[in-house]
PDB file of N, CA and C in Angstrom:
ATOM      1  N   MET A   1       0.597  -0.861   0.175  1.00  0.00           N
ATOM      2  CA  MET A   1      -0.031   0.057  -0.049  1.00  0.00           C
ATOM      3  C   MET A   1       1.092   1.246  -0.184  1.00  0.00           C
ATOM      4  N   ASN A   2       0.568   2.357  -0.732  1.00  0.00           N
ATOM      5  CA  ASN A   2       1.373   3.743  -0.771  1.00  0.00           C
ATOM      6  C   ASN A   2       0.611   3.906   0.740  1.00  0.00           C
ATOM      7  N   ALA A   3       1.655   5.318   0.526  1.00  0.00           N
ATOM      8  CA  ALA A   3       1.869   5.811   1.903  1.00  0.00           C
ATOM      9  C   ALA A   3       0.885   6.462   1.680  1.00  0.00           C
ATOM     10  N   ILE A   4       0.093   7.012   2.843  1.00  0.00           N
ATOM     11  CA  ILE A   4      -0.893   8.851   2.608  1.00  0.00           C
ATOM     12  C   ILE A   4      -0.155   9.381   3.507  1.00  0.00           C
ATOM     13  N   THR A   5      -0.697  10.607   3.087  1.00  0.00           N
ATOM     14  CA  THR A   5       0.054  12.155   3.328  1.00  0.00           C
ATOM     15  C   THR A   5      -1.062  12.118   4.700  1.00  0.00           C
ATOM     16  N   GLN A   6       0.212  12.585   5.603  1.00  0.00           N
ATOM     17  CA  GLN A   6      -0.768  12.561   7.063  1.00  0.00           C
ATOM     18  C   GLN A   6      -1.579  14.146   7.321  1.00  0.00           C
ATOM     19  N   GLU A   7      -1.443  14.719   5.975  1.00  0.00           N
ATOM     20  CA  GLU A   7      -2.737  16.015   6.118  1.00  0.00           C
ATOM     21  C   GLU A   7      -4.376  15.474   6.791  1.00  0.00           C
ATOM     22  N   PRO A   8      -5.134  15.799   7.366  1.00  0.00           N
ATOM     23  CA  PRO A   8      -6.208  14.991   7.662  1.00  0.00           C
ATOM     24  C   PRO A   8      -7.114  15.014   6.565  1.00  0.00           C
ATOM     25  N   LEU A   9      -7.762  13.762   6.154  1.00  0.00           N
ATOM     26  CA  LEU A   9      -8.331  13.264   4.815  1.00  0.00           C
ATOM     27  C   LEU A   9      -9.495  14.156   5.443  1.00  0.00           C
ATOM     28  N   ALA A  10     -10.255  14.633   4.226  1.00  0.00           N
ATOM     29  CA  ALA A  10     -11.792  14.893   3.842  1.00  0.00           C
ATOM     30  C   ALA A  10     -12.711  14.257   3.865  1.00  0.00           C
ATOM     31  N   ASP A  11     -13.593  13.954   5.332  1.00  0.00           N
ATOM     32  CA  ASP A  11     -14.560  13.567   4.662  1.00  0.00           C
ATOM     33  C   ASP A  11     -15.981  13.376   4.194  1.00  0.00           C
ATOM     34  N   VAL A  12     -16.221  12.772   2.954  1.00  0.00           N
ATOM     35  CA  VAL A  12     -17.534  13.049   2.140  1.00  0.00           C
ATOM     36  C   VAL A  12     -18.221  13.339   2.075  1.00  0.00           C
ATOM     37  N   ARG A  13     -18.886  12.926   3.569  1.00  0.00           N
ATOM     38  CA  ARG A  13     -20.350  13.342   3.949  1.00  0.00           C
ATOM     39  C   ARG A  13     -20.106  15.043   3.974  1.00  0.00           C
ATOM     40  N   ASN A  14     -19.353  15.842   4.517  1.00  0.00           N
ATOM     41  CA  ASN A  14     -19.567  17.125   4.138  1.00  0.00           C
ATOM     42  C   ASN A  14     -18.265  18.312   3.638  1.00  0.00           C
ATOM     43  N   ILE A  15     -19.043  17.247   1.782  1.00  0.00           N
ATOM     44  CA  ILE A  15     -18.857  17.206   1.022  1.00  0.00           C
ATOM     45  C   ILE A  15     -19.971  18.192   0.071  1.00  0.00           C
ATOM     46  N   HIS A  16     -20.241  19.210   0.133  1.00  0.00           N
ATOM     47  CA  HIS A  16     -21.395  20.218  -0.724  1.00  0.00           C
ATOM     48  C   HIS A  16     -21.381  20.983  -1.767  1.00  0.00           C
ATOM     49  N   VAL A  17     -21.623  20.581  -3.025  1.00  0.00           N
ATOM     50  CA  VAL A  17     -21.304  21.465  -4.537  1.00  0.00           C
ATOM     51  C   VAL A  17     -22.991  21.472  -4.627  1.00  0.00           C
ATOM     52  N   ASP A  18     -22.697  22.996  -4.604  1.00  0.00           N
ATOM     53  CA  ASP A  18     -24.222  22.992  -6.000  1.00  0.00           C
ATOM     54  C   ASP A  18     -24.338  22.929  -7.058  1.00  0.00           C
ATOM     55  N   PRO A  19     -25.661  22.338  -6.980  1.00  0.00           N
ATOM     56  CA  PRO A  19     -25.856  21.259  -7.508  1.00  0.00           C
ATOM     57  C   PRO A  19     -26.495  22.237  -9.421  1.00  0.00           C
ATOM     58  N   SER A  20     -26.597  23.659  -9.303  1.00  0.00           N
ATOM     59  CA  SER A  20     -26.876  24.859  -9.489  1.00  0.00           C
ATOM     60  C   SER A  20     -25.585  25.138 -11.087  1.00  0.00           C
ATOM     61  N   LEU A  21     -24.848  24.509 -10.379  1.00  0.00           N
ATOM     62  CA  LEU A  21     -23.345  24.708 -11.169  1.00  0.00           C
ATOM     63  C   LEU A  21     -23.240  24.092 -12.592  1.00  0.00           C
ATOM     64  N   PRO A  22     -22.487  24.780 -13.190  1.00  0.00           N
ATOM     65  CA  PRO A  22     -21.907  23.729 -14.599  1.00  0.00           C
ATOM     66  C   PRO A  22     -21.222  22.766 -13.565  1.00  0.00           C
ATOM     67  N   ARG A  23     -21.361  21.125 -15.012  1.00  0.00           N
ATOM     68  CA  ARG A  23     -20.918  20.305 -14.606  1.00  0.00           C
ATOM     69  C   ARG A  23     -19.243  20.731 -14.210  1.00  0.00           C
ATOM     70  N   ASP A  24     -18.630  21.172 -15.267  1.00  0.00           N
ATOM     71  CA  ASP A  24     -17.246  21.353 -15.279  1.00  0.00           C
ATOM     72  C   ASP A  24     -16.637  22.038 -13.701  1.00  0.00           C
ATOM     73  N   GLU A  25     -17.742  22.856 -13.287  1.00  0.00           N
ATOM     74  CA  GLU A  25     -18.025  23.991 -12.169  1.00  0.00           C
ATOM     75  C   GLU A  25     -17.416  23.022 -10.520  1.00  0.00           C
ATOM     76  N   ARG A  26     -18.683  21.751 -11.153  1.00  0.00           N
ATOM     77  CA  ARG A  26     -19.352  21.026  -9.989  1.00  0.00           C
ATOM     78  C   ARG A  26     -18.015  20.160  -9.924  1.00  0.00           C
ATOM     79  N   ILE A  27     -17.570  19.588 -10.800  1.00  0.00           N
ATOM     80  CA  ILE A  27     -16.485  18.802 -10.278  1.00  0.00           C
ATOM     81  C   ILE A  27     -15.578  19.437  -9.657  1.00  0.00           C
ATOM     82  N   LYS A  28     -14.910  20.516 -10.095  1.00  0.00           N
ATOM     83  CA  LYS A  28     -13.869  21.334 -10.036  1.00  0.00           C
ATOM     84  C   LYS A  28     -14.053  21.877  -8.503  1.00  0.00           C
ATOM     85  N   GLU A  29     -15.003  21.903  -7.668  1.00  0.00           N
ATOM     86  CA  GLU A  29     -15.389  22.488  -6.198  1.00  0.00           C
ATOM     87  C   GLU A  29     -15.316  20.984  -5.865  1.00  0.00           C
ATOM     88  N   TYR A  30     -16.067  19.577  -6.477  1.00  0.00           N
ATOM     89  CA  TYR A  30     -15.792  18.664  -5.447  1.00  0.00           C
ATOM     90  C   TYR A  30     -14.303  18.328  -5.067  1.00  0.00           C
ATOM     91  N   LEU A  31     -13.163  18.104  -6.409  1.00  0.00           N
ATOM     92  CA  LEU A  31     -12.066  17.695  -6.369  1.00  0.00           C
ATOM     93  C   LEU A  31     -11.369  18.865  -5.400  1.00  0.00           C
ATOM     94  N   ARG A  32     -11.743  20.065  -5.309  1.00  0.00           N
ATOM     95  CA  ARG A  32     -11.039  21.044  -4.146  1.00  0.00           C
ATOM     96  C   ARG A  32     -11.541  20.748  -3.060  1.00  0.00           C
ATOM     97  N   GLN A  33     -12.829  20.180  -2.561  1.00  0.00           N
ATOM     98  CA  GLN A  33     -13.126  19.972  -0.844  1.00  0.00           C
ATOM     99  C   GLN A  33     -12.596  18.814  -0.863  1.00  0.00           C
ATOM    100  N   ILE A  34     -12.929  17.724  -1.375  1.00  0.00           N
ATOM    101  CA  ILE A  34     -12.252  15.922  -1.474  1.00  0.00           C
ATOM    102  C   ILE A  34     -10.682  16.312  -1.099  1.00  0.00           C
ATOM    103  N   LYS A  35      -9.918  16.982  -1.879  1.00  0.00           N
ATOM    104  CA  LYS A  35      -8.778  17.021  -1.961  1.00  0.00           C
ATOM    105  C   LYS A  35      -7.702  15.982  -2.564  1.00  0.00           C
ATOM    106  N   ASN A  36      -8.228  14.606  -2.159  1.00  0.00           N
ATOM    107  CA  ASN A  36      -7.793  13.629  -3.295  1.00  0.00           C
ATOM    108  C   ASN A  36      -8.642  12.553  -3.203  1.00  0.00           C
ATOM    109  N   PRO A  37      -9.282  12.323  -4.770  1.00  0.00           N
ATOM    110  CA  PRO A  37      -9.970  11.772  -4.385  1.00  0.00           C
ATOM    111  C   PRO A  37     -10.227  10.278  -4.057  1.00  0.00           C
ATOM    112  N   TYR A  38      -8.941   9.909  -4.113  1.00  0.00           N
ATOM    113  CA  TYR A  38      -8.138   8.571  -4.060  1.00  0.00           C
ATOM    114  C   TYR A  38      -8.272   8.150  -2.672  1.00  0.00           C
ATOM    115  N   CYS A  39      -8.379   9.048  -1.533  1.00  0.00           N
ATOM    116  CA  CYS A  39      -8.600   8.993  -0.492  1.00  0.00           C
ATOM    117  C   CYS A  39      -8.774   9.911   0.401  1.00  0.00           C
ATOM    118  N   PHE A  40      -9.807   9.384   1.512  1.00  0.00           N
ATOM    119  CA  PHE A  40     -10.885  10.404   1.718  1.00  0.00           C
ATOM    120  C   PHE A  40     -11.303   9.741   3.020  1.00  0.00           C
ATOM    121  N   LYS A  41     -12.492  10.161   3.753  1.00  0.00           N
ATOM    122  CA  LYS A  41     -13.160   9.270   5.009  1.00  0.00           C
ATOM    123  C   LYS A  41     -13.917   9.384   4.133  1.00  0.00           C
ATOM    124  N   CYS A  42     -15.335   8.417   5.032  1.00  0.00           N
ATOM    125  CA  CYS A  42     -16.378   8.329   5.142  1.00  0.00           C
ATOM    126  C   CYS A  42     -17.407   7.976   6.948  1.00  0.00           C
ATOM    127  N   GLY A  43     -17.031   8.934   7.282  1.00  0.00           N
ATOM    128  CA  GLY A  43     -17.294   8.335   8.986  1.00  0.00           C
ATOM    129  C   GLY A  43     -15.871   7.516   9.461  1.00  0.00           C
ATOM    130  N   LYS A  44     -16.452   6.636   9.922  1.00  0.00           N
ATOM    131  CA  LYS A  44     -14.837   6.434  10.719  1.00  0.00           C
ATOM    132  C   LYS A  44     -14.321   5.378   9.436  1.00  0.00           C
ATOM    133  N   PHE A  45     -14.488   5.210   8.488  1.00  0.00           N
ATOM    134  CA  PHE A  45     -13.933   4.616   7.221  1.00  0.00           C
ATOM    135  C   PHE A  45     -13.030   5.418   6.665  1.00  0.00           C
ATOM    136  N   THR A  46     -11.849   4.941   6.681  1.00  0.00           N
ATOM    137  CA  THR A  46     -10.881   5.302   5.365  1.00  0.00           C
ATOM    138  C   THR A  46     -10.803   4.693   3.608  1.00  0.00           C
ATOM    139  N   VAL A  47     -11.542   5.413   3.043  1.00  0.00           N
ATOM    140  CA  VAL A  47     -11.510   4.862   1.287  1.00  0.00           C
ATOM    141  C   VAL A  47     -10.294   4.932   0.846  1.00  0.00           C
ATOM    142  N   HIS A  48      -9.717   4.060   0.307  1.00  0.00           N
ATOM    143  CA  HIS A  48      -8.423   3.991  -0.636  1.00  0.00           C
ATOM    144  C   HIS A  48      -8.589   3.327  -2.030  1.00  0.00           C
ATOM    145  N   ALA A  49      -9.338   4.287  -2.858  1.00  0.00           N
ATOM    146  CA  ALA A  49      -9.606   3.386  -3.993  1.00  0.00           C
ATOM    147  C   ALA A  49      -8.075   4.086  -4.876  1.00  0.00           C
ATOM    148  N   ARG A  50      -8.303   2.595  -5.751  1.00  0.00           N
ATOM    149  CA  ARG A  50      -6.748   1.719  -6.251  1.00  0.00           C
ATOM    150  C   ARG A  50      -7.105   1.490  -7.492  1.00  0.00           C
ATOM    151  N   TYR A  51      -7.017   1.422  -8.651  1.00  0.00           N
ATOM    152  CA  TYR A  51      -7.604   0.941 -10.304  1.00  0.00           C
ATOM    153  C   TYR A  51      -6.126  -0.133 -10.589  1.00  0.00           C
ATOM    154  N   THR A  52      -6.419  -0.751 -11.453  1.00  0.00           N
ATOM    155  CA  THR A  52      -5.030  -1.751 -12.144  1.00  0.00           C
ATOM    156  C   THR A  52      -5.842  -1.688 -13.530  1.00  0.00           C
ATOM    157  N   PRO A  53      -4.949  -1.782 -14.701  1.00  0.00           N
ATOM    158  CA  PRO A  53      -5.748  -1.365 -16.065  1.00  0.00           C
ATOM    159  C   PRO A  53      -6.319  -3.037 -16.454  1.00  0.00           C
ATOM    160  N   ASP A  54      -6.052  -4.567 -15.747  1.00  0.00           N
ATOM    161  CA  ASP A  54      -6.345  -5.283 -15.817  1.00  0.00           C
ATOM    162  C   ASP A  54      -7.845  -5.708 -15.004  1.00  0.00           C
ATOM    163  N   GLY A  55      -8.202  -4.374 -14.124  1.00  0.00           N
ATOM    164  CA  GLY A  55      -8.664  -4.973 -13.055  1.00  0.00           C
ATOM    165  C   GLY A  55      -9.880  -4.563 -13.623  1.00  0.00           C
ATOM    166  N   PRO A  56     -11.871  -4.804 -12.811  1.00  0.00           N
ATOM    167  CA  PRO A  56     -12.779  -4.774 -13.225  1.00  0.00           C
ATOM    168  C   PRO A  56     -13.460  -3.330 -13.141  1.00  0.00           C
ATOM    169  N   SER A  57     -14.013  -2.419 -14.116  1.00  0.00           N
ATOM    170  CA  SER A  57     -14.368  -1.471 -13.948  1.00  0.00           C
ATOM    171  C   SER A  57     -15.221  -1.214 -12.624  1.00  0.00           C
ATOM    172  N   LEU A  58     -15.479   0.226 -12.587  1.00  0.00           N
ATOM    173  CA  LEU A  58     -15.971   0.895 -11.456  1.00  0.00           C
ATOM    174  C   LEU A  58     -17.642   0.800 -11.783  1.00  0.00           C
ATOM    175  N   GLU A  59     -17.958   0.473 -12.696  1.00  0.00           N
ATOM    176  CA  GLU A  59     -19.150  -0.258 -13.401  1.00  0.00           C
ATOM    177  C   GLU A  59     -19.815  -1.178 -12.341  1.00  0.00           C
ATOM    178  N   GLU A  60     -18.724  -1.925 -12.888  1.00  0.00           N
ATOM    179  CA  GLU A  60     -18.695  -3.479 -12.557  1.00  0.00           C
ATOM    180  C   GLU A  60     -18.369  -3.722 -10.880  1.00  0.00           C
ATOM    181  N   CYS A  61     -17.688  -2.393 -10.203  1.00  0.00           N
ATOM    182  CA  CYS A  61     -17.958  -3.218  -8.907  1.00  0.00           C
ATOM    183  C   CYS A  61     -19.104  -2.550  -8.350  1.00  0.00           C
ATOM    184  N   LEU A  62     -19.640  -1.589  -8.547  1.00  0.00           N
ATOM    185  CA  LEU A  62     -20.784  -0.846  -8.133  1.00  0.00           C
ATOM    186  C   LEU A  62     -21.853  -1.990  -8.556  1.00  0.00           C
ATOM    187  N   LYS A  63     -22.281  -2.774  -9.496  1.00  0.00           N
ATOM    188  CA  LYS A  63     -22.969  -3.760  -9.604  1.00  0.00           C
ATOM    189  C   LYS A  63     -22.872  -5.076  -8.417  1.00  0.00           C
ATOM    190  N   GLN A  64     -21.558  -5.403  -8.289  1.00  0.00           N
ATOM    191  CA  GLN A  64     -21.412  -6.332  -7.492  1.00  0.00           C
ATOM    192  C   GLN A  64     -21.827  -5.673  -5.555  1.00  0.00           C
ATOM    193  N   VAL A  65     -21.509  -4.491  -5.672  1.00  0.00           N
ATOM    194  CA  VAL A  65     -22.259  -4.193  -4.550  1.00  0.00           C
ATOM    195  C   VAL A  65     -23.626  -3.715  -4.127  1.00  0.00           C
ATOM    196  N   LEU A  66     -24.069  -3.373  -5.218  1.00  0.00           N
ATOM    197  CA  LEU A  66     -25.659  -3.282  -4.944  1.00  0.00           C
ATOM    198  C   LEU A  66     -26.983  -4.239  -5.520  1.00  0.00           C
ATOM    199  N   MET A  67     -26.036  -5.201  -5.826  1.00  0.00           N
ATOM    200  CA  MET A  67     -26.545  -6.418  -6.140  1.00  0.00           C
ATOM    201  C   MET A  67     -26.155  -7.480  -5.295  1.00  0.00           C
TER     202      MET A  67
END
């Protein structure tokens, strides 16, 4: 596992983006607040996302979780 910065991780539950903003601005605002979209908190859990070229797609992973 790669080292994670010692800076406090953003909690995704505290991210608020104005839905009336244009799509590109919403993305920029989300990234500004989350700081690192690959490593963040969700309550007491730390989320560390990693992807591999030959791994399942995000859609496939979500289907496994939701079904």
